[in-house]
Amino acid sequence: RLPTSPPTGEPVATPIWCAEVAGCLYVRTAGHFKKLERIAEDPSVTVAPCTENGEVTGAVLTGVARILSDSDPVIEAADAALDENMGRKFTAG
């Protein structure tokens, strides 16, 4: 779950898929989603494990988000980790 804050200040929590690479969490989202605008305005985020419905199931961590460009050197590793993580969901029994 990745809550981001719109101008109103009331956080909007969204369940997301993520993957860890070298101590950083990566997420993938479409470019038209509002969470990208909110992160661009305020990169402070919290993350927490959750159910598919967004119910938090573990510790909430704070962090700073960064929007990566297609040419960022970590994109390939992040995409591979996300593909592997998402693949587990759809192939596990």
Protein backbone atom coordinates (compact mmCIF):
# COMPACT_ATOMS: atom_id res chain seq x y z
CA ARG A 1 0.00 0.00 0.00
CA LEU A 2 1.39 3.38 -0.99
CA PRO A 3 -0.41 6.41 0.45
CA THR A 4 0.41 9.69 -1.28
CA SER A 5 -0.87 13.15 -0.33
CA PRO A 6 -2.91 15.36 -2.66
CA PRO A 7 -3.06 19.14 -2.11
CA THR A 8 -5.90 18.64 0.41
CA GLY A 9 -3.43 16.81 2.65
CA GLU A 10 -5.68 13.76 3.14
CA PRO A 11 -3.55 10.73 2.12
CA VAL A 12 -4.81 8.50 -0.69
CA ALA A 13 -3.78 4.88 -0.07
CA THR A 14 -3.44 2.59 -3.07
CA PRO A 15 -2.59 -1.14 -3.00
CA ILE A 16 0.40 -1.64 -5.30
CA TRP A 17 2.78 -4.38 -6.45
CA CYS A 18 6.38 -3.73 -5.49
CA ALA A 19 9.75 -5.42 -5.64
CA GLU A 20 12.97 -4.87 -3.72
CA VAL A 21 16.31 -4.37 -5.46
CA ALA A 22 19.44 -3.51 -3.45
CA GLY A 23 17.47 -2.14 -0.49
CA CYS A 24 15.05 -0.01 -2.53
CA LEU A 25 11.39 -0.74 -3.27
CA TYR A 26 10.21 -0.27 -6.83
CA VAL A 27 6.68 0.06 -8.14
CA ARG A 28 5.34 0.34 -11.67
CA THR A 29 2.33 2.42 -12.63
CA ALA A 30 0.78 3.97 -15.71
CA GLY A 31 1.84 7.54 -16.41
CA HIS A 32 -1.68 8.97 -16.21
CA PHE A 33 -2.36 7.97 -12.58
CA LYS A 34 -2.71 10.79 -10.05
CA LYS A 35 -0.25 9.17 -7.64
CA LEU A 36 2.58 10.27 -9.97
CA GLU A 37 1.41 13.89 -9.75
CA ARG A 38 1.15 13.62 -5.97
CA ILE A 39 4.64 12.09 -5.69
CA ALA A 40 6.07 14.81 -7.94
CA GLU A 41 4.60 17.45 -5.61
CA ASP A 42 5.51 15.66 -2.35
CA PRO A 43 7.87 12.67 -2.56
CA SER A 44 7.39 11.73 1.12
CA VAL A 45 5.64 8.36 1.22
CA THR A 46 4.78 5.52 3.55
CA VAL A 47 4.60 1.89 2.49
CA ALA A 48 3.11 -1.13 4.21
CA PRO A 49 2.25 -4.70 3.29
CA CYS A 50 -1.47 -5.11 2.68
CA THR A 51 -4.18 -7.32 1.27
CA GLU A 52 -5.47 -6.81 -2.27
CA ASN A 53 -8.18 -4.64 -0.69
CA GLY A 54 -5.66 -2.37 1.04
CA GLU A 55 -5.96 -3.69 4.61
CA VAL A 56 -2.55 -3.16 6.25
CA THR A 57 -0.99 -6.41 7.45
CA GLY A 58 2.39 -5.29 8.75
CA ALA A 59 4.73 -2.47 9.69
CA VAL A 60 4.38 0.94 8.05
CA LEU A 61 7.68 2.37 6.78
CA THR A 62 8.46 5.92 5.66
CA GLY A 63 10.51 6.85 2.63
CA VAL A 64 11.12 9.20 -0.24
CA ALA A 65 9.81 8.34 -3.70
CA ARG A 66 11.59 9.14 -6.93
CA ILE A 67 10.05 8.94 -10.39
CA LEU A 68 12.47 7.20 -12.72
CA SER A 69 12.94 7.97 -16.38
CA ASP A 70 13.08 5.21 -18.99
CA SER A 71 16.82 5.81 -19.28
CA ASP A 72 17.56 5.40 -15.56
CA PRO A 73 20.24 2.71 -15.04
CA VAL A 74 18.14 0.83 -12.44
CA ILE A 75 15.06 0.44 -14.66
CA GLU A 76 16.15 -2.92 -16.11
CA ALA A 77 16.77 -4.50 -12.68
CA ALA A 78 13.59 -2.99 -11.22
CA ASP A 79 11.48 -4.20 -14.16
CA ALA A 80 12.93 -7.72 -13.90
CA ALA A 81 12.24 -7.87 -10.15
CA LEU A 82 8.69 -6.56 -10.62
CA ASP A 83 8.02 -9.06 -13.42
CA GLU A 84 9.29 -11.90 -11.23
CA ASN A 85 7.29 -10.76 -8.20
CA MET A 86 4.08 -10.30 -10.18
CA GLY A 87 4.63 -13.62 -11.96
CA ARG A 88 4.61 -15.43 -8.62
CA LYS A 89 1.11 -14.13 -7.95
CA PHE A 90 -0.25 -15.42 -11.24
CA THR A 91 1.58 -18.77 -11.31
CA ALA A 92 1.30 -19.88 -7.68
CA GLY A 93 -1.44 -22.36 -7.55
